[in-house]
Protein backbone atom coordinates (compact mmCIF):
# COMPACT_ATOMS: atom_id res chain seq x y z
CA MET A 1 -132.08 -27.90 -25.91
CA LYS A 2 -132.32 -25.96 -28.72
CA GLY A 3 -132.96 -22.11 -28.50
CA TYR A 4 -130.94 -21.83 -25.63
CA ASN A 5 -127.09 -22.70 -24.70
CA GLY A 6 -127.44 -24.54 -21.96
CA LYS A 7 -124.55 -22.82 -19.42
CA ILE A 8 -125.44 -19.08 -17.89
CA LEU A 9 -122.67 -16.93 -17.24
CA GLU A 10 -121.40 -16.48 -13.00
CA VAL A 11 -118.67 -13.21 -12.28
CA ASP A 12 -117.88 -12.45 -8.74
CA LEU A 13 -116.55 -8.74 -8.95
CA THR A 14 -115.61 -9.65 -5.43
CA SER A 15 -112.65 -12.04 -6.49
CA LYS A 16 -112.61 -11.07 -9.97
CA ILE A 17 -113.75 -15.08 -10.80
CA PHE A 18 -116.18 -16.17 -13.42
CA ARG A 19 -117.63 -19.32 -14.61
CA GLU A 20 -120.38 -21.38 -16.65
CA LEU A 21 -122.69 -22.54 -15.16
CA ILE A 22 -124.93 -25.60 -16.83
CA ILE A 23 -128.18 -25.60 -16.66
CA LYS A 24 -130.33 -28.60 -16.41
CA GLU A 25 -132.95 -28.89 -19.62
CA GLU A 26 -135.49 -29.31 -16.79
CA LEU A 27 -135.04 -26.06 -15.21
CA TYR A 28 -135.30 -24.66 -18.44
CA ARG A 29 -138.61 -26.79 -18.95
CA LYS A 30 -140.08 -25.94 -15.65
CA TYR A 31 -139.01 -22.46 -15.51
CA LEU A 32 -138.88 -21.48 -19.13
CA GLY A 33 -136.16 -18.65 -18.50
CA GLY A 34 -136.35 -15.01 -18.51
CA THR A 35 -137.70 -13.68 -15.09
CA GLY A 36 -138.75 -17.38 -13.99
CA LEU A 37 -134.99 -19.12 -13.81
CA ALA A 38 -133.67 -15.76 -12.50
CA ALA A 39 -136.08 -16.36 -9.78
CA LYS A 40 -135.50 -19.93 -9.02
CA ILE A 41 -131.42 -18.68 -9.06
CA LEU A 42 -131.74 -15.54 -6.63
CA PHE A 43 -133.98 -17.10 -4.33
CA ASP A 44 -131.96 -20.23 -4.06
CA ASN A 45 -128.81 -17.89 -3.24
CA TYR A 46 -131.37 -16.02 -0.60
CA ASP A 47 -130.67 -16.34 2.77
CA PHE A 48 -134.17 -15.69 4.15
CA LYS A 49 -133.23 -16.05 7.72
CA LYS A 50 -131.10 -12.98 7.10
CA LYS A 51 -132.41 -9.96 5.40
CA ILE A 52 -129.92 -8.87 2.82
CA SER A 53 -129.24 -5.48 2.07
CA PRO A 54 -129.80 -4.97 -1.93
CA LEU A 55 -127.55 -3.21 -2.38
CA SER A 56 -124.65 -5.24 -0.55
CA ALA A 57 -122.56 -7.80 -1.78
CA GLU A 58 -124.91 -10.83 -0.73
CA ASN A 59 -127.33 -10.01 -3.56
CA LEU A 60 -127.82 -11.09 -6.58
CA LEU A 61 -128.11 -9.33 -10.28
CA ILE A 62 -129.07 -11.08 -12.32
CA PHE A 63 -129.12 -10.78 -16.95
CA MET A 64 -131.41 -13.66 -18.16
CA THR A 65 -132.62 -14.06 -21.61
CA GLY A 66 -135.85 -16.00 -22.12
CA PRO A 67 -137.73 -18.40 -24.17
CA LEU A 68 -138.23 -16.15 -27.30
CA THR A 69 -135.26 -13.96 -27.35
CA ALA A 70 -134.17 -13.31 -30.83
CA THR A 71 -137.09 -15.57 -33.18
CA ARG A 72 -138.11 -12.52 -34.79
CA LEU A 73 -141.12 -13.00 -33.16
CA PRO A 74 -142.81 -9.23 -32.70
CA GLY A 75 -142.26 -7.79 -29.28
CA CYS A 76 -140.66 -10.35 -27.88
CA ALA A 77 -137.28 -11.19 -29.85
CA THR A 78 -135.67 -8.58 -28.03
CA ARG A 79 -136.62 -8.98 -24.65
CA PHE A 80 -135.05 -9.87 -21.25
CA SER A 81 -135.24 -9.60 -17.78
CA VAL A 82 -132.96 -7.75 -14.88
CA CYS A 83 -133.72 -8.70 -11.69
CA SER A 84 -132.12 -8.49 -8.04
CA ILE A 85 -133.30 -7.88 -4.39
CA SER A 86 -134.81 -4.25 -5.11
CA PRO A 87 -132.86 -1.46 -3.44
CA LEU A 88 -136.86 0.75 -3.60
CA THR A 89 -138.94 -1.75 -2.45
CA GLY A 90 -136.63 -4.42 -0.68
CA ILE A 91 -138.52 -7.02 -1.95
CA TRP A 92 -138.37 -8.60 -5.74
CA GLY A 93 -137.63 -6.38 -8.11
CA GLU A 94 -137.61 -6.66 -11.85
CA ALA A 95 -137.50 -5.04 -15.86
CA SER A 96 -137.85 -5.87 -19.28
CA CYS A 97 -135.32 -4.73 -21.42
CA GLY A 98 -135.21 -4.03 -25.23
CA GLY A 99 -132.44 -3.23 -27.65
CA ARG A 100 -130.36 -6.07 -28.46
CA PHE A 101 -128.40 -7.20 -25.90
CA GLY A 102 -130.13 -10.13 -25.52
CA ILE A 103 -129.46 -11.73 -28.56
CA GLN A 104 -125.79 -10.59 -28.51
CA LEU A 105 -125.48 -12.28 -25.10
CA LYS A 106 -127.49 -15.91 -26.91
CA LYS A 107 -125.26 -15.45 -30.00
CA ALA A 108 -121.96 -15.50 -27.97
CA GLY A 109 -122.96 -18.37 -26.22
CA PHE A 110 -124.51 -17.37 -22.53
CA ASP A 111 -128.17 -17.83 -21.72
CA GLY A 112 -128.05 -15.47 -19.06
CA ILE A 113 -125.56 -13.47 -16.56
CA VAL A 114 -125.58 -13.69 -12.58
CA ILE A 115 -123.25 -11.07 -11.05
CA LYS A 116 -122.95 -11.24 -7.42
CA GLY A 117 -119.94 -9.34 -5.33
CA VAL A 118 -118.44 -6.24 -4.68
CA SER A 119 -115.73 -4.92 -6.92
CA ASP A 120 -113.21 -2.22 -5.09
CA SER A 121 -113.12 -0.58 -7.58
CA PRO A 122 -115.11 0.73 -11.60
CA VAL A 123 -114.79 -2.41 -13.73
CA PHE A 124 -117.01 -3.65 -16.63
CA ILE A 125 -117.43 -7.02 -18.00
CA LYS A 126 -116.62 -7.56 -21.81
CA ILE A 127 -117.91 -11.01 -23.77
CA VAL A 128 -116.71 -11.70 -27.43
CA ASP A 129 -117.90 -15.12 -27.98
CA GLY A 130 -117.47 -16.76 -24.93
CA ASN A 131 -114.65 -14.65 -24.06
CA VAL A 132 -114.54 -13.23 -20.88
CA GLU A 133 -112.45 -10.15 -19.42
CA ILE A 134 -113.32 -8.00 -16.18
CA LYS A 135 -112.11 -4.34 -16.97
CA ASP A 136 -111.55 -1.48 -15.72
CA ALA A 137 -113.67 1.85 -16.23
CA SER A 138 -112.23 4.27 -14.34
CA ARG A 139 -112.17 5.95 -17.93
CA LEU A 140 -116.42 5.67 -17.99
CA TRP A 141 -117.15 6.19 -14.79
CA ASN A 142 -118.92 9.85 -14.34
CA LYS A 143 -119.72 9.28 -17.71
CA ASP A 144 -123.74 9.56 -18.51
CA THR A 145 -125.11 5.95 -20.75
CA TYR A 146 -125.49 7.13 -24.48
CA GLU A 147 -121.52 8.19 -23.62
CA VAL A 148 -120.48 4.95 -22.68
CA TYR A 149 -122.49 3.06 -25.06
CA ASP A 150 -120.38 4.56 -27.58
CA ILE A 151 -117.07 4.43 -25.95
CA LEU A 152 -117.35 0.65 -25.75
CA ARG A 153 -118.78 -0.13 -29.62
CA LYS A 154 -116.24 2.32 -31.01
CA GLU A 155 -113.10 1.09 -28.72
CA GLU A 156 -113.55 -2.40 -27.41
CA GLY A 157 -115.84 -3.33 -30.78
CA VAL A 158 -118.46 -4.61 -28.88
CA ALA A 159 -121.74 -4.70 -30.47
CA THR A 160 -123.74 -3.16 -27.55
CA SER A 161 -123.69 -3.48 -24.05
CA LEU A 162 -125.77 -2.31 -20.95
CA SER A 163 -124.46 0.36 -18.56
CA ILE A 164 -125.42 3.16 -15.35
CA GLY A 165 -125.14 6.76 -15.23
CA ILE A 166 -124.40 8.84 -12.89
CA ALA A 167 -127.40 8.64 -11.11
CA GLY A 168 -126.62 4.79 -10.93
CA GLU A 169 -123.71 5.30 -9.51
CA ASN A 170 -124.56 7.60 -7.00
CA LYS A 171 -127.24 4.50 -6.51
CA VAL A 172 -130.52 7.11 -6.43
CA LEU A 173 -132.95 3.84 -5.68
CA PHE A 174 -134.65 4.56 -9.18
CA ALA A 175 -131.68 4.41 -11.19
CA ASN A 176 -132.29 1.90 -14.23
CA ILE A 177 -129.73 -0.10 -16.60
CA ALA A 178 -129.50 1.22 -20.17
CA ASN A 179 -129.43 -0.98 -23.56
CA GLU A 180 -128.68 0.85 -27.06
CA PRO A 181 -130.43 4.59 -26.29
CA GLY A 182 -134.19 4.53 -25.70
CA ASN A 183 -134.10 1.22 -24.25
CA TYR A 184 -134.13 0.80 -20.54
CA ALA A 185 -134.80 -1.90 -17.99
CA GLY A 186 -136.08 0.75 -16.30
CA ARG A 187 -138.21 -0.33 -12.89
CA CYS A 188 -137.53 -1.30 -9.30
CA GLY A 189 -133.46 0.67 -9.48
CA LEU A 190 -131.80 -1.95 -10.52
CA GLY A 191 -129.22 0.55 -11.94
CA ALA A 192 -128.40 1.27 -8.11
CA VAL A 193 -127.40 -2.40 -7.68
CA MET A 194 -125.16 -2.27 -10.12
CA GLY A 195 -123.79 0.77 -8.70
CA SER A 196 -123.32 -0.55 -5.67
CA LYS A 197 -121.31 -3.59 -7.27
CA ASN A 198 -119.30 -1.38 -9.00
CA LEU A 199 -120.00 -2.96 -12.41
CA LYS A 200 -119.86 0.38 -15.02
CA ALA A 201 -120.91 -1.50 -17.95
CA ILE A 202 -121.02 -5.05 -19.82
CA GLY A 203 -119.95 -5.17 -23.38
CA VAL A 204 -121.40 -8.44 -25.60
CA LYS A 205 -120.24 -9.36 -29.28
CA GLY A 206 -121.50 -12.61 -30.59
CA THR A 207 -121.38 -14.75 -33.90
CA LYS A 208 -122.95 -18.17 -32.66
CA SER A 209 -126.06 -18.37 -35.11
CA ILE A 210 -128.86 -19.86 -32.60
CA GLU A 211 -130.34 -23.06 -33.47
CA PHE A 212 -134.40 -23.55 -32.85
CA ALA A 213 -136.25 -26.83 -32.81
CA ASP A 214 -138.51 -25.28 -35.71
CA SER A 215 -137.66 -22.51 -37.62
CA LYS A 216 -140.84 -22.71 -40.16
CA LYS A 217 -143.71 -22.06 -37.31
CA ILE A 218 -141.51 -19.82 -36.13
CA ASP A 219 -141.69 -17.76 -39.26
CA LYS A 220 -145.27 -18.70 -40.19
CA LEU A 221 -146.29 -17.66 -36.54
CA ARG A 222 -144.48 -14.21 -36.89
CA LYS A 223 -146.26 -13.85 -40.30
CA ASN A 224 -149.78 -14.17 -39.11
CA ILE A 225 -149.28 -12.40 -35.81
CA ILE A 226 -148.15 -9.34 -38.84
CA GLU A 227 -151.18 -10.00 -40.28
CA LYS A 228 -152.97 -9.33 -37.33
CA GLN A 229 -151.66 -6.09 -36.49
CA ARG A 230 -152.41 -4.41 -40.10
CA GLU A 231 -156.56 -5.53 -38.75
CA ASN A 232 -155.92 -4.04 -35.16
CA ILE A 233 -156.46 0.03 -35.06
CA ILE A 234 -153.92 0.17 -31.59
CA VAL A 235 -150.68 -1.57 -33.31
CA GLN A 236 -151.59 0.59 -36.45
CA THR A 237 -152.13 3.67 -33.84
CA LEU A 238 -148.73 2.82 -32.44
CA LYS A 239 -147.08 2.45 -36.04
CA GLU A 240 -148.11 5.55 -36.96
CA PHE A 241 -148.09 7.88 -33.86
CA GLY A 242 -145.60 6.12 -31.37
CA THR A 243 -146.88 5.50 -27.89
CA ASP A 244 -147.60 8.46 -27.15
CA GLY A 245 -150.98 7.75 -29.50
CA GLY A 246 -152.86 7.24 -27.58
CA LEU A 247 -152.80 9.81 -24.74
CA PRO A 248 -155.55 11.91 -25.98
CA VAL A 249 -158.42 8.89 -26.28
CA LEU A 250 -157.03 7.05 -22.73
CA MET A 251 -157.46 10.76 -21.57
CA MET A 252 -160.73 10.59 -23.02
CA LEU A 253 -161.15 7.73 -20.61
CA GLY A 254 -159.64 8.44 -17.49
CA ASP A 255 -156.78 6.73 -17.62
CA VAL A 256 -153.96 9.23 -17.30
CA PRO A 257 -153.44 10.85 -14.41
CA ILE A 258 -152.69 14.72 -14.28
CA LYS A 259 -150.87 16.62 -11.53
CA ASN A 260 -150.48 14.55 -9.20
CA TRP A 261 -153.07 12.28 -9.97
CA ASN A 262 -155.78 15.02 -9.10
CA LEU A 263 -157.41 15.68 -12.14
CA GLY A 264 -158.85 13.21 -14.67
CA VAL A 265 -158.93 16.05 -17.66
CA TRP A 266 -156.71 18.30 -18.96
CA ASP A 267 -157.39 19.22 -23.05
CA GLU A 268 -154.45 21.49 -23.30
CA GLY A 269 -152.21 19.08 -22.19
CA SER A 270 -153.56 16.28 -24.19
CA GLU A 271 -153.15 18.03 -27.37
CA GLU A 272 -149.62 19.42 -26.97
CA LEU A 273 -148.42 16.05 -25.33
CA SER A 274 -149.78 13.57 -28.16
CA GLY A 275 -148.11 11.51 -30.32
CA MET A 276 -149.85 13.02 -33.39
CA ASN A 277 -148.21 17.10 -32.21
CA MET A 278 -145.03 15.17 -31.86
CA SER A 279 -144.91 13.51 -35.10
CA GLU A 280 -146.32 17.68 -36.53
CA THR A 281 -143.06 19.00 -34.64
CA ILE A 282 -140.00 17.62 -33.37
CA LEU A 283 -139.89 13.51 -34.99
CA ILE A 284 -137.10 12.33 -37.09
CA ASN A 285 -138.26 9.38 -37.56
CA LYS A 286 -139.25 6.31 -36.49
CA LYS A 287 -137.73 3.48 -35.16
CA ALA A 288 -138.18 -0.99 -34.49
CA CYS A 289 -136.70 -2.87 -32.93
CA PHE A 290 -135.47 -6.61 -33.98
CA GLY A 291 -137.82 -8.37 -35.80
CA CYS A 292 -141.26 -5.73 -34.65
CA SER A 293 -142.73 -3.95 -38.22
CA ILE A 294 -144.76 -1.96 -36.34
CA SER A 295 -141.86 1.04 -35.74
CA CYS A 296 -143.64 2.48 -32.74
CA LYS A 297 -139.77 3.97 -31.85
CA ARG A 298 -139.64 7.90 -32.20
CA ALA A 299 -136.18 9.71 -33.58
CA VAL A 300 -136.96 13.35 -32.70
CA LYS A 301 -134.53 16.63 -32.49
CA VAL A 302 -135.58 19.76 -30.95
CA ASN A 303 -133.62 22.64 -33.16
CA GLU A 304 -133.46 25.63 -30.82
CA GLY A 305 -134.34 27.20 -27.94
CA LYS A 306 -133.81 26.34 -23.89
CA TYR A 307 -135.02 22.93 -24.41
CA LYS A 308 -132.62 22.13 -27.73
CA ILE A 309 -131.41 18.58 -28.16
CA GLU A 310 -129.65 16.94 -30.70
CA LYS A 311 -131.31 13.70 -32.55
CA GLY A 312 -132.50 11.17 -30.44
CA PRO A 313 -134.99 8.84 -28.82
CA GLY A 314 -138.21 10.53 -27.93
CA PRO A 315 -140.32 10.63 -24.88
CA GLU A 316 -142.64 7.51 -24.76
CA TYR A 317 -145.72 7.11 -23.14
CA GLU A 318 -145.40 6.76 -20.06
CA THR A 319 -142.71 9.59 -19.51
CA CYS A 320 -145.31 12.46 -21.41
CA ALA A 321 -147.54 11.30 -18.63
CA SER A 322 -145.19 11.52 -15.54
CA PHE A 323 -143.78 14.50 -16.53
CA GLY A 324 -146.27 15.90 -18.36
CA THR A 325 -149.18 15.64 -17.47
CA LEU A 326 -148.75 14.29 -13.80
CA CYS A 327 -146.48 17.46 -13.36
CA TYR A 328 -148.82 19.79 -14.83
CA ILE A 329 -146.40 20.17 -18.19
CA ASP A 330 -148.04 21.61 -21.11
CA ASP A 331 -144.50 21.24 -23.39
CA LEU A 332 -143.79 18.61 -25.47
CA LYS A 333 -140.38 19.89 -26.03
CA ALA A 334 -139.74 20.22 -22.04
CA VAL A 335 -140.65 17.10 -21.88
CA THR A 336 -138.23 15.04 -24.47
CA LYS A 337 -135.81 17.49 -23.24
CA ILE A 338 -136.27 16.21 -19.30
CA ASN A 339 -136.76 12.36 -20.94
CA GLU A 340 -133.17 13.23 -22.08
CA LEU A 341 -131.81 13.77 -19.25
CA CYS A 342 -133.44 10.51 -17.20
CA ASN A 343 -132.12 8.97 -20.11
CA ARG A 344 -128.56 10.18 -19.87
CA TYR A 345 -128.29 10.34 -15.89
CA GLY A 346 -129.71 6.85 -16.14
CA MET A 347 -133.42 6.97 -13.94
CA ASP A 348 -136.85 5.74 -14.62
CA THR A 349 -139.06 8.06 -15.83
CA ILE A 350 -142.17 6.28 -14.31
CA SER A 351 -140.59 6.71 -10.65
CA CYS A 352 -138.70 10.22 -10.75
CA GLY A 353 -141.88 11.54 -12.17
CA GLY A 354 -143.51 10.35 -9.87
CA THR A 355 -141.56 11.28 -7.07
CA ILE A 356 -141.10 15.13 -8.43
CA ALA A 357 -144.76 14.80 -8.63
CA PHE A 358 -145.57 14.27 -4.75
CA ALA A 359 -142.51 16.23 -3.94
CA ILE A 360 -144.23 19.35 -5.79
CA GLU A 361 -147.75 19.18 -4.26
CA CYS A 362 -145.31 19.13 -0.56
CA ALA A 363 -144.12 21.80 -1.07
CA GLU A 364 -147.42 23.64 -2.37
CA ALA A 365 -149.32 22.30 0.61
CA GLY A 366 -146.70 24.14 3.06
CA ILE A 367 -144.99 20.47 4.37
CA LEU A 368 -142.59 20.05 2.08
CA LYS A 369 -140.27 23.39 2.81
CA ASN A 370 -136.28 22.34 2.19
CA THR A 371 -136.01 22.99 -1.64
CA ASN A 372 -132.39 24.38 -1.62
CA GLY A 373 -133.99 27.68 -2.99
CA LEU A 374 -135.91 25.99 -5.49
CA LYS A 375 -139.71 27.31 -5.88
CA LEU A 376 -141.56 23.88 -6.62
CA SER A 377 -145.21 24.40 -8.36
CA PHE A 378 -146.51 22.09 -11.29
CA GLY A 379 -145.67 23.43 -14.26
CA ASP A 380 -142.75 25.16 -14.19
CA ALA A 381 -140.44 22.46 -16.14
CA ASP A 382 -137.48 24.78 -15.48
CA ALA A 383 -137.30 23.83 -11.98
CA ILE A 384 -138.30 20.24 -12.30
CA LEU A 385 -134.77 19.95 -14.65
CA LYS A 386 -133.09 21.21 -12.05
CA LEU A 387 -134.54 19.17 -9.79
CA VAL A 388 -134.32 16.02 -12.23
CA GLU A 389 -129.91 16.93 -12.63
CA MET A 390 -129.95 17.47 -8.25
CA ILE A 391 -131.56 13.78 -7.93
CA ALA A 392 -128.99 11.95 -10.28
CA LYS A 393 -126.06 13.72 -8.27
CA ARG A 394 -127.51 13.35 -5.19
CA ASP A 395 -127.56 16.81 -4.24
CA LYS A 396 -127.61 17.85 -0.75
CA GLY A 397 -131.33 18.82 0.40
CA ILE A 398 -133.94 18.17 -1.96
CA GLY A 399 -131.88 16.17 -4.35
CA ASN A 400 -131.06 12.95 -2.06
CA LEU A 401 -133.92 13.42 -0.16
CA LEU A 402 -136.20 12.87 -3.08
CA ALA A 403 -132.94 9.94 -4.50
CA ASP A 404 -134.32 7.53 -2.57
CA GLY A 405 -137.92 7.21 -4.46
CA SER A 406 -141.05 8.99 -2.81
CA LYS A 407 -142.20 6.96 -0.55
CA LYS A 408 -139.10 7.01 1.93
CA ALA A 409 -139.27 10.70 1.09
CA SER A 410 -142.62 10.57 2.59
CA LYS A 411 -141.29 9.65 5.81
CA LYS A 412 -138.57 11.42 6.35
CA ILE A 413 -141.11 14.89 5.53
CA GLY A 414 -143.88 13.47 7.57
CA LYS A 415 -146.56 15.52 8.58
CA GLU A 416 -148.82 13.73 6.52
CA SER A 417 -147.62 14.09 3.41
CA GLU A 418 -148.29 10.22 2.30
CA LYS A 419 -151.85 11.49 1.68
CA PHE A 420 -150.19 12.51 -2.00
CA LEU A 421 -148.24 9.31 -2.11
CA VAL A 422 -149.17 6.91 -4.77
CA GLU A 423 -147.20 3.79 -4.97
CA VAL A 424 -147.50 0.09 -3.77
CA LYS A 425 -145.50 -1.89 -2.36
CA GLY A 426 -142.77 1.37 -2.44
CA LEU A 427 -143.11 1.30 -5.70
CA GLU A 428 -144.40 4.70 -8.00
CA VAL A 429 -147.38 3.53 -9.70
CA PRO A 430 -147.22 3.84 -13.39
CA MET A 431 -149.10 5.94 -15.45
CA HIS A 432 -152.12 3.92 -16.16
CA ASP A 433 -154.72 5.11 -13.51
CA PRO A 434 -157.16 2.44 -11.67
CA ARG A 435 -160.11 4.48 -11.49
CA ALA A 436 -160.76 3.83 -15.16
CA PHE A 437 -160.67 0.15 -15.59
CA HIS A 438 -160.74 -1.34 -12.05
CA GLY A 439 -159.13 -4.53 -13.48
CA LEU A 440 -155.92 -2.93 -13.82
CA GLY A 441 -156.50 -1.81 -9.48
CA LEU A 442 -155.85 -5.57 -8.65
CA GLU A 443 -153.04 -5.90 -10.69
CA TYR A 444 -151.66 -3.56 -9.17
CA ALA A 445 -152.40 -4.30 -5.58
CA ILE A 446 -151.29 -8.12 -6.42
CA SER A 447 -147.57 -7.65 -8.97
CA ASN A 448 -144.93 -9.15 -6.90
CA ARG A 449 -143.35 -6.10 -7.51
CA GLY A 450 -145.39 -3.04 -6.84
CA ALA A 451 -147.84 -1.47 -9.12
CA CYS A 452 -146.96 -2.65 -12.15
CA HIS A 453 -148.84 -1.81 -15.59
CA VAL A 454 -147.60 -5.63 -17.97
CA ASN A 455 -147.62 -8.32 -15.99
CA SER A 456 -151.48 -8.71 -17.19
CA TYR A 457 -154.22 -7.45 -18.90
CA GLN A 458 -156.59 -7.01 -16.42
CA MET A 459 -157.26 -2.83 -18.16
CA PHE A 460 -159.06 -4.49 -20.64
CA VAL A 461 -161.21 -7.44 -18.89
CA LEU A 462 -162.86 -6.34 -15.76
């Protein structure tokens, strides 16, 4: 079947045995690939009579490309899915990711990877044009995701890689999986699953050409999409100011959560945290994903001060909201520093920011008292920076408490702390307020992984 290789890689980390699994064309046609095929594989191997612990050897971790991966179609060419049973929610977990990993995996001869078992020591997987090695990762352990990416490219010669940071190693339940800096499989804590398997990274390089059934039609579709994008004001805002360019308008619509969902308008935060302010202050250049003409990604640099960072990925809208408006921080440089820490440590900024905002409200209400000496209050960026580090390292006390996410933390805190919770099925809610778009509330309620804003566009329909 053109567009696919017709096989996936299965790696058993317990036995250190790997093999190729041939996938019939009918399965691709029935499940399309990506999340659909991953779900088929996962649940074919799931014993519903025996509840599997998400952090056990029995849980599978699946990386899967889709039919549009590597096509050069805008918004689709780089996407791949990561699927497993989520340790944060205990149910189906999935995360979508951009970057070059999916493309390189297809070019290396595989449409996906199924990870099973647990290694008895830290390892990484190296895949080069169909050749697979399971290698010692002791030199990578305790390193952040930026460092691992650089090491594997320079020392192992791979084109790109996936890795976990120390949050994944410590099984923080909202740990993410990083591709290149700026691209993350963020939601559902799948980095903790990877960490539980002692799998630090997967490096890949492929040189094979991917043949599609009708490349001319794909090119024509790509041109049509780009033409339509040029006429679309939302796309042009993304191009000019990034995903955060819409924050002021979304706040006018009541869509941006403020102070742990207690407020709906905050003029100071709207201006300071906007993509317009980012463009005027810390922006270095704009970046585009493979096949995309929008260039909505931002590379930023903070030259001086306590929030100084070298050139790196800038915060997206979700991060500016989850650590900015939700935690009541009206300092873009502080949010940028928090974003860098989460990226390096490997943590989902939505769940991390949501959990911290929940903890702050509990502390201000006098419900959460054991804060390891930290005075938690809305707007205190320095305390939040410290708390991010404590969570990633699972420091005793509040770090370990919040590393399990807001819902599990609430059960331990008790004292009516649940009234400050904002989650669905244990997954912290993204930074779009369903009180602004009733259809979004329906989407949050029925999404199979928990609160999710990317499975449909009900927010624009109802």
